[in-house]
């Protein structure tokens, strides 16, 4: 994604002021993942096992384009 130089600061300010109800975390490797004191989950290419307040996605980079798994952990 390319952002016009004059709009870059507006995009940064917008992202910094948002308070999403839920987060999605992305990893490029399978295995155990966790953040701070949250429960850990085991991330697989097609989903994850375990309970977390966050959704976890598996992603790989193919020709500099992120490719995400089809399912989201719940």
N, C-alpha and C. Protein backbone atom coordinates (compact mmCIF):
# COMPACT_ATOMS: atom_id res chain seq x y z
N UNK A 1 0.85 -1.16 0.00
CA UNK A 1 0.00 0.00 0.00
C UNK A 1 0.90 1.23 0.00
N UNK A 2 0.58 2.17 -0.83
CA UNK A 2 1.32 3.42 -0.89
C UNK A 2 0.44 4.54 -0.36
N UNK A 3 1.00 5.36 0.50
CA UNK A 3 0.26 6.47 1.10
C UNK A 3 0.89 7.77 0.62
N UNK A 4 0.07 8.69 0.15
CA UNK A 4 0.57 9.98 -0.29
C UNK A 4 1.29 10.65 0.88
N UNK A 5 2.43 11.28 0.62
CA UNK A 5 3.23 11.86 1.70
C UNK A 5 2.44 12.79 2.63
N UNK A 6 1.55 13.59 2.09
CA UNK A 6 0.79 14.52 2.93
C UNK A 6 -0.25 13.79 3.78
N UNK A 7 -0.68 12.63 3.35
CA UNK A 7 -1.70 11.87 4.09
C UNK A 7 -1.10 10.92 5.12
N UNK A 8 0.19 10.69 5.04
CA UNK A 8 0.84 9.74 5.94
C UNK A 8 0.58 10.07 7.41
N UNK A 9 0.74 11.32 7.79
CA UNK A 9 0.53 11.71 9.19
C UNK A 9 -0.92 11.50 9.60
N UNK A 10 -1.87 11.75 8.71
CA UNK A 10 -3.29 11.53 9.02
C UNK A 10 -3.57 10.05 9.28
N UNK A 11 -2.96 9.18 8.49
CA UNK A 11 -3.14 7.74 8.69
C UNK A 11 -2.54 7.32 10.03
N UNK A 12 -1.37 7.80 10.35
CA UNK A 12 -0.73 7.48 11.63
C UNK A 12 -1.58 7.96 12.79
N UNK A 13 -2.08 9.18 12.73
CA UNK A 13 -2.93 9.71 13.80
C UNK A 13 -4.21 8.89 13.95
N UNK A 14 -4.81 8.50 12.83
CA UNK A 14 -6.02 7.69 12.88
C UNK A 14 -5.75 6.36 13.58
N UNK A 15 -4.68 5.69 13.19
CA UNK A 15 -4.37 4.39 13.79
C UNK A 15 -4.07 4.51 15.28
N UNK A 16 -3.41 5.58 15.68
CA UNK A 16 -3.04 5.75 17.08
C UNK A 16 -4.23 6.11 17.97
N UNK A 17 -5.30 6.61 17.40
CA UNK A 17 -6.45 7.03 18.21
C UNK A 17 -7.55 5.98 18.28
N UNK A 18 -7.39 4.86 17.61
CA UNK A 18 -8.42 3.83 17.60
C UNK A 18 -8.29 2.92 18.82
N UNK A 19 -9.43 2.44 19.31
CA UNK A 19 -9.47 1.50 20.44
C UNK A 19 -10.35 0.31 20.04
N UNK A 20 -9.79 -0.62 19.30
CA UNK A 20 -10.61 -1.75 18.85
C UNK A 20 -11.06 -2.63 20.01
N UNK A 21 -12.23 -3.22 19.87
CA UNK A 21 -12.74 -4.12 20.91
C UNK A 21 -11.96 -5.43 20.91
N UNK A 22 -11.47 -5.83 19.76
CA UNK A 22 -10.75 -7.08 19.64
C UNK A 22 -9.57 -6.91 18.69
N UNK A 23 -8.50 -7.63 18.94
CA UNK A 23 -7.31 -7.55 18.10
C UNK A 23 -7.12 -8.85 17.32
N UNK A 24 -6.46 -8.72 16.19
CA UNK A 24 -6.02 -9.87 15.42
C UNK A 24 -4.51 -9.82 15.35
N UNK A 25 -3.89 -10.89 15.73
CA UNK A 25 -2.43 -10.97 15.69
C UNK A 25 -2.02 -11.87 14.54
N UNK A 26 -0.93 -11.51 13.89
CA UNK A 26 -0.46 -12.25 12.71
C UNK A 26 0.94 -12.78 13.00
N UNK A 27 1.17 -14.03 12.63
CA UNK A 27 2.49 -14.63 12.78
C UNK A 27 2.87 -15.34 11.49
N UNK A 28 4.16 -15.41 11.24
CA UNK A 28 4.64 -16.10 10.04
C UNK A 28 5.25 -17.46 10.39
N UNK A 29 4.98 -17.94 11.59
CA UNK A 29 5.48 -19.26 11.97
C UNK A 29 4.43 -20.00 12.79
N UNK A 30 4.38 -21.29 12.60
CA UNK A 30 3.46 -22.10 13.38
C UNK A 30 4.07 -22.37 14.75
N UNK A 31 3.25 -22.80 15.68
CA UNK A 31 3.75 -23.13 17.02
C UNK A 31 3.05 -22.33 18.10
N UNK A 32 3.63 -22.39 19.29
CA UNK A 32 3.03 -21.73 20.45
C UNK A 32 3.27 -20.23 20.41
N UNK A 33 2.21 -19.48 20.71
CA UNK A 33 2.29 -18.02 20.74
C UNK A 33 1.46 -17.49 21.90
N UNK A 34 1.91 -16.41 22.48
CA UNK A 34 1.19 -15.76 23.55
C UNK A 34 1.73 -14.36 23.73
N UNK A 35 0.93 -13.50 24.35
CA UNK A 35 1.32 -12.12 24.58
C UNK A 35 1.07 -11.79 26.04
N UNK A 36 2.09 -11.29 26.72
CA UNK A 36 2.00 -10.90 28.12
C UNK A 36 1.43 -12.03 28.97
N UNK A 37 0.35 -11.75 29.71
CA UNK A 37 -0.25 -12.74 30.61
C UNK A 37 -1.41 -13.50 29.98
N UNK A 38 -1.64 -13.32 28.68
CA UNK A 38 -2.74 -14.01 28.01
C UNK A 38 -2.43 -15.49 27.86
N UNK A 39 -3.47 -16.32 27.77
CA UNK A 39 -3.23 -17.75 27.50
C UNK A 39 -2.53 -17.94 26.16
N UNK A 40 -1.72 -18.97 26.07
CA UNK A 40 -1.02 -19.21 24.81
C UNK A 40 -1.89 -20.07 23.88
N UNK A 41 -1.65 -19.92 22.59
CA UNK A 41 -2.37 -20.69 21.59
C UNK A 41 -1.34 -21.34 20.66
N UNK A 42 -1.75 -22.45 20.05
CA UNK A 42 -0.91 -23.12 19.07
C UNK A 42 -1.43 -22.77 17.70
N UNK A 43 -0.64 -22.03 16.92
CA UNK A 43 -1.07 -21.54 15.62
C UNK A 43 -0.66 -22.53 14.53
N UNK A 44 -1.63 -22.85 13.67
CA UNK A 44 -1.44 -23.73 12.52
C UNK A 44 -1.79 -22.95 11.26
N UNK A 45 -1.40 -23.41 10.08
CA UNK A 45 -1.74 -22.68 8.85
C UNK A 45 -3.24 -22.49 8.64
N UNK A 46 -4.07 -23.41 9.16
CA UNK A 46 -5.50 -23.29 8.93
C UNK A 46 -6.30 -22.91 10.17
N UNK A 47 -5.65 -22.41 11.20
CA UNK A 47 -6.36 -21.98 12.41
C UNK A 47 -5.46 -22.07 13.61
N UNK A 48 -6.06 -22.07 14.80
CA UNK A 48 -5.27 -22.19 16.01
C UNK A 48 -6.03 -22.97 17.06
N UNK A 49 -5.29 -23.49 18.03
CA UNK A 49 -5.86 -24.29 19.10
C UNK A 49 -5.59 -23.55 20.40
N UNK A 50 -6.63 -23.40 21.21
CA UNK A 50 -6.49 -22.71 22.48
C UNK A 50 -7.41 -21.51 22.54
N UNK A 51 -7.48 -20.91 23.71
CA UNK A 51 -8.36 -19.75 23.90
C UNK A 51 -7.51 -18.51 24.13
N UNK A 52 -7.89 -17.45 23.44
CA UNK A 52 -7.19 -16.18 23.58
C UNK A 52 -8.20 -15.07 23.36
N UNK A 53 -7.98 -13.93 23.95
CA UNK A 53 -8.83 -12.77 23.70
C UNK A 53 -8.62 -12.25 22.28
N UNK A 54 -7.49 -12.59 21.68
CA UNK A 54 -7.16 -12.13 20.33
C UNK A 54 -7.39 -13.24 19.31
N UNK A 55 -7.68 -12.85 18.08
CA UNK A 55 -7.69 -13.79 16.97
C UNK A 55 -6.26 -13.93 16.48
N UNK A 56 -5.89 -15.13 16.03
CA UNK A 56 -4.55 -15.36 15.52
C UNK A 56 -4.64 -15.82 14.08
N UNK A 57 -3.84 -15.20 13.19
CA UNK A 57 -3.77 -15.57 11.79
C UNK A 57 -2.36 -16.01 11.46
N UNK A 58 -2.26 -16.99 10.60
CA UNK A 58 -0.97 -17.43 10.08
C UNK A 58 -0.80 -16.78 8.71
N UNK A 59 0.37 -16.23 8.44
CA UNK A 59 0.62 -15.56 7.17
C UNK A 59 2.01 -15.92 6.67
N UNK A 60 2.11 -16.07 5.37
CA UNK A 60 3.42 -16.25 4.75
C UNK A 60 3.56 -15.16 3.69
N UNK A 61 4.79 -14.83 3.35
CA UNK A 61 5.05 -13.83 2.32
C UNK A 61 5.41 -14.56 1.03
N UNK A 62 4.64 -14.28 -0.02
CA UNK A 62 4.90 -14.87 -1.33
C UNK A 62 5.09 -13.71 -2.31
N UNK A 63 6.27 -13.61 -2.86
CA UNK A 63 6.59 -12.51 -3.79
C UNK A 63 6.25 -11.14 -3.19
N UNK A 64 6.62 -10.97 -1.93
CA UNK A 64 6.42 -9.72 -1.18
C UNK A 64 4.95 -9.39 -0.92
N UNK A 65 4.05 -10.36 -1.07
CA UNK A 65 2.63 -10.15 -0.80
C UNK A 65 2.22 -11.09 0.32
N UNK A 66 1.65 -10.55 1.43
CA UNK A 66 1.23 -11.44 2.52
C UNK A 66 0.05 -12.31 2.09
N UNK A 67 0.13 -13.58 2.43
CA UNK A 67 -0.95 -14.53 2.16
C UNK A 67 -1.41 -15.06 3.50
N UNK A 68 -2.69 -14.85 3.84
CA UNK A 68 -3.22 -15.23 5.13
C UNK A 68 -3.97 -16.54 5.05
N UNK A 69 -4.05 -17.23 6.18
CA UNK A 69 -4.83 -18.46 6.23
C UNK A 69 -6.31 -18.12 6.09
N UNK A 70 -7.10 -19.11 5.69
CA UNK A 70 -8.52 -18.87 5.46
C UNK A 70 -9.35 -18.76 6.73
N UNK A 71 -8.90 -19.37 7.81
CA UNK A 71 -9.72 -19.37 9.01
C UNK A 71 -9.09 -18.52 10.10
N UNK A 72 -9.93 -18.06 11.00
CA UNK A 72 -9.51 -17.22 12.12
C UNK A 72 -9.77 -18.00 13.40
N UNK A 73 -8.83 -17.98 14.33
CA UNK A 73 -9.01 -18.68 15.60
C UNK A 73 -10.13 -18.06 16.40
N UNK A 74 -10.88 -18.87 17.07
CA UNK A 74 -11.97 -18.38 17.91
C UNK A 74 -11.90 -19.05 19.25
